[in-house]
Protein backbone atom coordinates (compact mmCIF):
# COMPACT_ATOMS: atom_id res chain seq x y z
CA UNK A 1 19.69 -13.76 7.62
CA UNK A 2 16.14 -13.04 8.84
CA UNK A 3 13.18 -14.89 7.40
CA UNK A 4 10.61 -13.38 5.04
CA UNK A 5 8.54 -11.93 7.89
CA UNK A 6 11.47 -10.00 9.38
CA UNK A 7 10.36 -6.65 7.90
CA UNK A 8 6.76 -6.94 9.08
CA UNK A 9 6.95 -4.55 12.00
CA UNK A 10 4.90 -5.01 15.17
CA UNK A 11 2.51 -7.65 13.74
CA UNK A 12 3.20 -10.70 15.90
CA UNK A 13 -0.34 -12.11 15.75
CA UNK A 14 -0.58 -11.78 11.98
CA UNK A 15 2.85 -13.33 11.50
CA UNK A 16 1.87 -16.30 13.65
CA UNK A 17 -1.29 -16.82 11.57
CA UNK A 18 0.63 -16.65 8.30
CA UNK A 19 3.33 -19.03 9.51
CA UNK A 20 0.69 -21.62 10.38
CA UNK A 21 -0.97 -21.19 7.00
CA UNK A 22 2.37 -21.52 5.16
CA UNK A 23 3.12 -24.72 7.08
CA UNK A 24 -0.32 -26.06 6.18
CA UNK A 25 0.25 -25.14 2.52
CA UNK A 26 3.59 -26.96 2.50
CA UNK A 27 1.89 -29.98 3.99
CA UNK A 28 -0.71 -29.97 1.23
CA UNK A 29 2.01 -30.14 -1.40
CA UNK A 30 3.51 -33.18 0.29
CA UNK A 31 0.16 -34.95 0.50
CA UNK A 32 -1.32 -36.77 -2.53
CA UNK A 33 -4.84 -35.54 -3.12
CA UNK A 34 -7.67 -36.31 -5.48
CA UNK A 35 -9.03 -33.29 -7.27
CA UNK A 36 -12.86 -33.33 -7.36
CA UNK A 37 -14.70 -33.56 -10.64
CA UNK A 38 -15.53 -29.86 -10.42
CA UNK A 39 -11.98 -29.09 -11.49
CA UNK A 40 -10.55 -27.44 -8.36
CA UNK A 41 -9.60 -28.49 -4.87
CA UNK A 42 -10.90 -26.98 -1.65
CA UNK A 43 -7.77 -26.06 0.25
CA UNK A 44 -9.56 -25.74 3.57
CA UNK A 45 -10.96 -29.26 3.23
CA UNK A 46 -7.58 -30.63 2.20
CA UNK A 47 -5.93 -28.98 5.18
CA UNK A 48 -8.38 -30.68 7.51
CA UNK A 49 -7.68 -34.08 5.91
CA UNK A 50 -3.90 -33.81 6.27
CA UNK A 51 -2.52 -35.67 9.28
CA UNK A 52 1.18 -36.17 8.44
CA UNK A 53 4.21 -35.24 10.53
CA UNK A 54 5.68 -32.15 8.78
CA UNK A 55 2.84 -29.77 9.80
CA UNK A 56 0.30 -30.96 12.40
CA UNK A 57 -3.22 -29.70 11.99
CA UNK A 58 -3.58 -26.45 13.96
CA UNK A 59 -6.06 -26.21 16.81
CA UNK A 60 -7.51 -23.02 15.33
CA UNK A 61 -9.80 -24.05 12.44
CA UNK A 62 -9.07 -20.72 10.73
CA UNK A 63 -5.30 -21.21 10.80
CA UNK A 64 -4.99 -23.55 7.82
CA UNK A 65 -4.51 -22.73 4.17
CA UNK A 66 -7.15 -21.24 1.91
CA UNK A 67 -7.16 -19.78 -1.58
CA UNK A 68 -8.10 -16.12 -0.90
CA UNK A 69 -6.86 -13.65 1.71
CA UNK A 70 -7.46 -9.98 2.55
CA UNK A 71 -4.78 -8.00 4.40
CA UNK A 72 -6.30 -4.97 6.12
CA UNK A 73 -4.85 -2.16 8.19
CA UNK A 74 -4.10 1.58 8.23
CA UNK A 75 -1.57 3.13 5.82
CA UNK A 76 1.94 2.13 6.76
CA UNK A 77 0.89 -0.97 8.69
CA UNK A 78 2.55 -3.18 6.09
CA UNK A 79 -0.33 -4.67 4.11
CA UNK A 80 1.69 -5.19 0.93
CA UNK A 81 4.76 -6.24 2.93
CA UNK A 82 2.70 -8.92 4.66
CA UNK A 83 1.22 -10.12 1.35
CA UNK A 84 4.63 -10.41 -0.29
CA UNK A 85 6.13 -12.12 2.74
CA UNK A 86 3.29 -14.65 2.80
CA UNK A 87 3.70 -15.25 -0.95
CA UNK A 88 7.42 -15.88 -0.36
CA UNK A 89 6.63 -18.33 2.45
CA UNK A 90 4.25 -20.20 0.13
CA UNK A 91 6.90 -20.39 -2.60
CA UNK A 92 9.69 -21.29 -0.14
CA UNK A 93 11.29 -24.62 -1.04
CA UNK A 94 11.35 -25.47 2.68
CA UNK A 95 7.79 -24.28 3.29
CA UNK A 96 8.89 -22.01 6.13
CA UNK A 97 9.73 -18.68 4.50
CA UNK A 98 13.42 -19.06 5.23
CA UNK A 99 14.34 -15.90 3.33
CA UNK A 100 17.39 -17.40 1.61
CA UNK A 101 16.14 -20.06 -0.83
CA UNK A 102 15.43 -19.24 -4.51
CA UNK A 103 11.67 -19.28 -3.93
CA UNK A 104 11.87 -16.68 -1.16
CA UNK A 105 14.47 -14.55 -2.91
CA UNK A 106 12.73 -14.33 -6.28
CA UNK A 107 9.36 -13.63 -4.70
CA UNK A 108 10.66 -10.79 -2.55
CA UNK A 109 12.56 -9.25 -5.47
CA UNK A 110 9.56 -9.51 -7.80
CA UNK A 111 11.08 -11.96 -10.28
CA UNK A 112 9.26 -15.20 -9.41
CA UNK A 113 7.49 -16.61 -12.46
CA UNK A 114 4.44 -17.73 -10.47
CA UNK A 115 3.87 -14.55 -8.44
CA UNK A 116 2.05 -11.66 -10.10
CA UNK A 117 1.86 -8.28 -8.40
CA UNK A 118 -0.83 -5.76 -9.34
CA UNK A 119 0.00 -2.20 -8.26
CA UNK A 120 -2.54 0.38 -9.52
CA UNK A 121 -0.75 3.17 -11.35
CA UNK A 122 -3.89 5.24 -11.78
CA UNK A 123 -6.96 5.99 -9.70
CA UNK A 124 -8.50 2.54 -10.23
CA UNK A 125 -7.94 -1.01 -11.45
CA UNK A 126 -10.01 -1.65 -14.57
CA UNK A 127 -11.91 -4.70 -15.72
CA UNK A 128 -9.67 -5.42 -18.72
CA UNK A 129 -6.57 -5.58 -16.54
CA UNK A 130 -8.34 -7.84 -14.06
CA UNK A 131 -9.68 -10.20 -16.73
CA UNK A 132 -6.21 -10.60 -18.20
CA UNK A 133 -4.79 -11.26 -14.75
CA UNK A 134 -7.43 -13.86 -13.89
CA UNK A 135 -6.80 -15.61 -17.20
CA UNK A 136 -3.08 -15.85 -16.51
CA UNK A 137 -3.69 -16.96 -12.94
CA UNK A 138 -5.64 -19.95 -14.20
CA UNK A 139 -2.47 -21.58 -15.50
CA UNK A 140 -0.59 -24.18 -13.49
CA UNK A 141 2.40 -22.96 -11.44
CA UNK A 142 5.60 -23.43 -13.42
CA UNK A 143 7.64 -24.11 -10.30
CA UNK A 144 5.34 -26.82 -9.03
CA UNK A 145 4.16 -24.91 -5.94
CA UNK A 146 1.56 -22.08 -6.03
CA UNK A 147 0.29 -19.57 -8.57
CA UNK A 148 -0.07 -16.35 -6.54
CA UNK A 149 -1.79 -13.06 -7.38
CA UNK A 150 -1.12 -10.06 -5.11
CA UNK A 151 -3.42 -7.06 -5.58
CA UNK A 152 -2.24 -3.96 -3.76
CA UNK A 153 -4.93 -1.34 -3.06
CA UNK A 154 -7.76 -3.73 -3.87
CA UNK A 155 -10.11 -0.95 -2.73
CA UNK A 156 -9.41 0.68 -6.12
CA UNK A 157 -11.06 -2.11 -8.08
CA UNK A 158 -13.88 -0.85 -10.26
CA UNK A 159 -17.21 -2.62 -9.88
CA UNK A 160 -16.68 -4.55 -13.12
CA UNK A 161 -13.13 -5.50 -12.11
CA UNK A 162 -14.41 -6.66 -8.73
CA UNK A 163 -16.97 -8.88 -10.44
CA UNK A 164 -14.27 -10.43 -12.64
CA UNK A 165 -12.14 -11.13 -9.58
CA UNK A 166 -15.14 -12.51 -7.68
CA UNK A 167 -15.77 -15.15 -10.33
CA UNK A 168 -12.16 -16.35 -10.03
CA UNK A 169 -12.37 -16.46 -6.23
CA UNK A 170 -15.68 -18.33 -6.34
CA UNK A 171 -14.23 -20.97 -8.68
CA UNK A 172 -10.49 -20.88 -7.91
CA UNK A 173 -8.11 -22.69 -10.23
CA UNK A 174 -6.09 -25.48 -8.61
CA UNK A 175 -3.10 -24.19 -6.64
CA UNK A 176 -3.93 -20.51 -7.23
CA UNK A 177 -3.92 -18.11 -4.27
CA UNK A 178 -5.29 -14.55 -4.26
CA UNK A 179 -3.83 -12.01 -1.80
CA UNK A 180 -5.73 -8.71 -1.60
CA UNK A 181 -4.66 -5.58 0.29
CA UNK A 182 -7.24 -3.02 1.43
CA UNK A 183 -7.60 -0.48 4.27
CA UNK A 184 -10.56 -2.37 5.78
CA UNK A 185 -13.35 -4.82 5.02
CA UNK A 186 -15.92 -2.03 4.88
CA UNK A 187 -18.12 -2.29 1.75
CA UNK A 188 -16.63 1.01 0.55
CA UNK A 189 -13.22 -0.69 0.42
CA UNK A 190 -14.04 -4.24 -0.63
CA UNK A 191 -17.29 -5.80 -1.78
CA UNK A 192 -19.22 -7.92 0.70
CA UNK A 193 -19.27 -10.90 -1.67
CA UNK A 194 -15.47 -10.88 -2.11
CA UNK A 195 -15.00 -10.39 1.63
CA UNK A 196 -17.19 -13.39 2.41
CA UNK A 197 -14.93 -15.68 0.38
CA UNK A 198 -11.61 -14.54 1.87
CA UNK A 199 -9.78 -14.98 5.15
CA UNK A 200 -8.93 -11.65 6.75
CA UNK A 201 -5.52 -10.83 8.21
CA UNK A 202 -5.93 -7.65 10.30
CA UNK A 203 -2.82 -5.54 10.78
CA UNK A 204 -2.40 -2.73 13.28
CA UNK A 205 -0.46 0.48 13.27
CA UNK A 206 3.00 -0.48 14.52
CA UNK A 207 4.22 1.37 17.61
CA UNK A 208 6.93 4.00 17.02
CA UNK A 209 9.42 2.01 19.09
CA UNK A 210 9.07 -0.99 16.76
CA UNK A 211 9.46 1.22 13.68
CA UNK A 212 12.55 2.87 15.14
CA UNK A 213 14.06 -0.52 15.94
CA UNK A 214 13.72 -1.77 12.37
CA UNK A 215 15.17 1.48 10.97
CA UNK A 216 18.23 1.05 13.15
CA UNK A 217 18.61 -2.67 12.51
CA UNK A 218 17.85 -2.84 8.80
CA UNK A 219 18.77 0.60 7.47
CA UNK A 220 21.62 1.54 9.81
CA UNK A 221 19.98 4.82 10.86
CA UNK A 222 21.19 6.52 14.04
CA UNK A 223 18.90 5.70 17.02
CA UNK A 224 17.96 9.31 17.78
CA UNK A 225 17.08 10.02 14.13
CA UNK A 226 15.13 6.75 13.93
CA UNK A 227 13.09 7.60 17.02
CA UNK A 228 12.24 11.07 15.68
CA UNK A 229 11.32 9.76 12.23
CA UNK A 230 9.17 6.93 13.65
CA UNK A 231 7.18 9.37 15.78
CA UNK A 232 6.82 11.94 12.98
CA UNK A 233 5.64 9.26 10.54
CA UNK A 234 2.94 8.11 12.99
CA UNK A 235 3.81 4.45 12.59
CA UNK A 236 4.15 4.49 8.78
CA UNK A 237 7.33 2.49 8.14
CA UNK A 238 7.96 3.70 4.58
CA UNK A 239 7.31 7.32 5.51
CA UNK A 240 9.66 7.03 8.51
CA UNK A 241 12.43 5.69 6.27
CA UNK A 242 12.00 8.58 3.83
CA UNK A 243 12.10 11.18 6.61
CA UNK A 244 15.21 9.61 8.10
CA UNK A 245 17.12 9.36 4.83
CA UNK A 246 15.80 12.06 2.47
CA UNK A 247 16.56 15.75 3.26
CA UNK A 248 14.00 16.89 0.68
CA UNK A 249 11.27 14.89 2.44
CA UNK A 250 12.16 16.65 5.68
CA UNK A 251 12.03 20.04 3.96
CA UNK A 252 8.58 19.29 2.54
CA UNK A 253 7.39 18.28 6.00
CA UNK A 254 8.78 21.47 7.52
CA UNK A 255 6.92 23.53 4.92
CA UNK A 256 3.64 21.77 5.75
CA UNK A 257 4.06 22.26 9.50
CA UNK A 258 4.69 25.97 8.90
CA UNK A 259 1.17 26.36 7.46
CA UNK A 260 -0.65 27.14 10.77
CA UNK A 261 1.43 30.26 11.44
CA UNK A 262 1.04 31.45 7.84
CA UNK A 263 -2.76 31.67 8.05
CA UNK A 264 -3.13 35.36 8.85
CA UNK A 265 -5.98 36.21 6.49
CA UNK A 266 -8.03 35.15 3.47
CA UNK A 267 -5.26 35.94 1.01
CA UNK A 268 -2.71 34.05 3.10
CA UNK A 269 -5.05 31.05 3.22
CA UNK A 270 -5.30 30.89 -0.57
CA UNK A 271 -1.53 31.37 -0.88
CA UNK A 272 -0.95 28.50 1.53
CA UNK A 273 -3.34 26.30 -0.46
CA UNK A 274 -1.51 27.08 -3.72
CA UNK A 275 1.86 26.35 -2.13
CA UNK A 276 0.63 23.01 -0.80
CA UNK A 277 -0.84 21.95 -4.14
CA UNK A 278 2.23 23.04 -6.10
CA UNK A 279 4.56 21.21 -3.71
CA UNK A 280 2.54 18.00 -4.13
CA UNK A 281 2.60 18.39 -7.92
CA UNK A 282 6.37 18.94 -7.94
CA UNK A 283 6.98 15.93 -5.69
CA UNK A 284 4.76 13.73 -7.86
CA UNK A 285 6.35 14.92 -11.10
CA UNK A 286 9.82 14.13 -9.75
CA UNK A 287 8.73 10.67 -8.61
CA UNK A 288 7.31 9.58 -11.99
CA UNK A 289 9.55 11.46 -14.44
CA UNK A 290 12.20 8.76 -14.71
CA UNK A 291 9.64 5.97 -15.09
CA UNK A 292 7.69 7.92 -17.72
CA UNK A 293 10.77 8.60 -19.81
CA UNK A 294 11.93 4.97 -19.63
CA UNK A 295 8.49 3.71 -20.71
CA UNK A 296 8.25 6.14 -23.61
CA UNK A 297 11.76 5.30 -24.82
CA UNK A 298 11.10 1.55 -24.59
CA UNK A 299 7.83 1.85 -26.53
CA UNK A 300 9.38 4.00 -29.24
CA UNK A 301 12.25 1.55 -29.62
CA UNK A 302 9.81 -1.36 -29.85
CA UNK A 303 7.89 0.50 -32.54
CA UNK A 304 11.02 1.10 -34.61
CA UNK A 305 12.04 4.63 -33.63
CA UNK A 306 15.43 5.48 -35.09
CA UNK A 307 15.20 2.69 -37.63
CA UNK A 308 16.45 3.25 -41.18
CA UNK A 309 14.98 0.23 -42.88
CA UNK A 310 12.09 0.13 -45.30
CA UNK A 311 8.80 0.83 -43.55
CA UNK A 312 10.33 2.27 -40.36
CA UNK A 313 8.80 5.71 -40.94
CA UNK A 314 5.42 4.21 -41.70
CA UNK A 315 5.54 2.10 -38.55
CA UNK A 316 6.12 5.21 -36.42
CA UNK A 317 3.24 7.01 -38.10
CA UNK A 318 0.99 4.12 -37.18
CA UNK A 319 2.21 4.14 -33.58
CA UNK A 320 0.40 7.33 -32.60
CA UNK A 321 -2.43 5.40 -30.99
CA UNK A 322 -0.11 3.36 -28.78
CA UNK A 323 1.81 6.45 -27.71
CA UNK A 324 -1.47 8.16 -26.87
CA UNK A 325 -2.52 5.20 -24.72
CA UNK A 326 0.81 5.34 -22.91
CA UNK A 327 0.41 9.07 -22.25
CA UNK A 328 -3.07 8.43 -20.87
CA UNK A 329 -1.75 5.80 -18.45
CA UNK A 330 1.10 8.04 -17.40
CA UNK A 331 -1.25 10.96 -16.79
CA UNK A 332 -3.42 8.73 -14.58
CA UNK A 333 -0.33 7.60 -12.64
CA UNK A 334 0.78 11.21 -12.18
CA UNK A 335 -2.65 12.12 -10.80
CA UNK A 336 -2.43 9.27 -8.32
CA UNK A 337 1.08 10.31 -7.31
CA UNK A 338 -0.08 13.91 -6.74
CA UNK A 339 -2.92 12.79 -4.52
CA UNK A 340 -0.66 10.47 -2.55
CA UNK A 341 1.87 13.27 -2.01
CA UNK A 342 -0.89 15.66 -0.94
CA UNK A 343 -2.33 13.07 1.43
CA UNK A 344 1.06 12.66 3.13
CA UNK A 345 1.14 16.42 3.69
CA UNK A 346 -2.38 16.38 5.14
CA UNK A 347 -1.43 13.56 7.52
CA UNK A 348 1.47 15.68 8.81
CA UNK A 349 -0.86 18.67 9.25
CA UNK A 350 -3.41 16.53 11.08
CA UNK A 351 -0.64 15.40 13.43
CA UNK A 352 0.11 19.02 14.30
CA UNK A 353 -3.49 19.78 15.31
CA UNK A 354 -3.63 16.48 17.18
CA UNK A 355 -0.65 17.67 19.21
CA UNK A 356 -2.47 20.95 19.93
CA UNK A 357 -5.48 19.03 21.25
CA UNK A 358 -3.28 16.87 23.46
CA UNK A 359 -1.57 19.94 24.92
CA UNK A 360 -4.84 21.81 25.42
CA UNK A 361 -6.19 18.86 27.41
CA UNK A 362 -2.86 18.34 29.20
CA UNK A 363 -3.05 14.67 28.29
CA UNK A 364 -0.02 12.51 29.23
CA UNK A 365 0.63 11.59 25.59
CA UNK A 366 3.83 12.17 23.61
CA UNK A 367 3.53 14.61 20.67
CA UNK A 368 3.72 13.37 17.10
CA UNK A 369 5.92 16.26 15.95
CA UNK A 370 8.43 16.85 18.72
CA UNK A 371 10.22 19.57 16.73
CA UNK A 372 7.05 21.73 16.51
CA UNK A 373 5.79 21.03 20.02
CA UNK A 374 6.28 24.66 21.11
CA UNK A 375 4.24 25.94 18.13
CA UNK A 376 1.49 23.40 18.86
CA UNK A 377 1.52 24.51 22.50
CA UNK A 378 1.05 28.14 21.45
CA UNK A 379 -1.82 27.07 19.23
CA UNK A 380 -3.40 25.14 22.10
CA UNK A 381 -3.38 28.29 24.26
CA UNK A 382 -4.88 30.39 21.47
CA UNK A 383 -7.53 27.96 20.20
CA UNK A 384 -8.22 25.74 23.26
CA UNK A 385 -9.19 22.09 22.78
CA UNK A 386 -12.44 22.78 20.93
CA UNK A 387 -10.83 25.09 18.39
CA UNK A 388 -7.98 22.63 17.81
CA UNK A 389 -10.50 19.83 17.29
CA UNK A 390 -12.40 21.87 14.68
CA UNK A 391 -9.18 22.43 12.80
CA UNK A 392 -8.27 18.74 12.94
CA UNK A 393 -11.72 17.89 11.59
CA UNK A 394 -11.20 20.33 8.72
CA UNK A 395 -8.01 18.48 7.70
CA UNK A 396 -9.74 15.09 7.91
CA UNK A 397 -12.70 16.38 5.89
CA UNK A 398 -10.28 17.57 3.21
CA UNK A 399 -8.75 14.09 2.98
CA UNK A 400 -12.22 12.55 2.68
CA UNK A 401 -13.26 15.04 -0.01
CA UNK A 402 -10.18 14.31 -2.14
CA UNK A 403 -10.79 10.58 -1.76
CA UNK A 404 -14.33 11.23 -3.02
CA UNK A 405 -12.82 12.84 -6.19
CA UNK A 406 -13.34 16.48 -5.24
CA UNK A 407 -10.73 18.54 -7.10
CA UNK A 408 -7.73 18.79 -4.74
CA UNK A 409 -7.33 22.55 -5.14
CA UNK A 410 -10.96 23.21 -4.19
CA UNK A 411 -10.75 20.86 -1.19
CA UNK A 412 -7.47 22.35 0.05
CA UNK A 413 -8.66 25.95 -0.34
CA UNK A 414 -11.80 25.15 1.65
CA UNK A 415 -9.64 23.51 4.33
CA UNK A 416 -7.29 26.50 4.59
CA UNK A 417 -10.21 28.89 5.03
CA UNK A 418 -11.64 26.63 7.76
CA UNK A 419 -8.26 26.52 9.50
CA UNK A 420 -8.00 30.31 9.42
CA UNK A 421 -11.55 30.88 10.66
CA UNK A 422 -11.34 28.12 13.26
């Protein structure tokens, strides 16, 4: 059985850093310490004081344990995978991230009592959710090791939520570790004050060969299919797995890559925009439908739906507010799912125009979409490198506009017109 870092693809430097930190953390737990009068211990200082045999002090002063980390990298690089793997290594009963002990297993499966995972279902993470999380994180670990908070997409923290988190990071509770995931340390993604109090673990886009290898080894996918999916997904491990295993995902991709030859006029551009938006909405609706129904059923049952006892009908009448709150959260999650689905389509489209640029310049670089290489080559002859670049910029500008909360339909229609006009 592989250890907890086995699924972190192509990140050797980051894995080495996290292994050293996990060893330092295990050493801290084996070393009696005196907690200062301020009420919390400085893990960096404790790591420097430790001089026992199990984990020698690393030569790199930044390799020890600390209470707050930021995992950065492009989509698909494995930010959340790295955070969960590190959390498992910290909770490992051997202190190594063996992958087989109860601490590793429960952390990786999401059932560890001392590991809390925050995954934003909507467009942002609000202050009330963050305050409740910080309050729970202040408790002592029930298993005697670490209390760990993992925040995926920490770039979606509202300003108030970021301030609540900052206070906890500035005055960390004993044995509490915060693991944040964000695309970068740019102030647009994470506040400067939070960044200054965290250790950064930079991740890179894994090479297609590494992604293909893990698909073959872990998922049993045929090597030729794995190589195609890894290239088409542009290093995004989760996307590559979906393309390799899900026929509907491949059909959606084919429809997106057919867009350039459909742009024959203004009307065709608006039709293509509508088709792209509707496909993203359908994909998002399918992805959240089961979860939405399960949540609604569970809430109705908890509120006494179907009950025949005295007061059951009155309880349901008074539950309208809670059902409305649930519908609001589900609507926010659906919006996020639609934007994520649309963004995946735009990434595929950007890859097509990237291939056209490469072919126009005759660069010795492999295409992203090998199955549409002939179409990209025809586009390169028609548009030349400059025209292909303008079209690629139009796709990237559309992604940026949607991220800035421009209505997706407006942004996509503007993009399609730009692609048609060149």
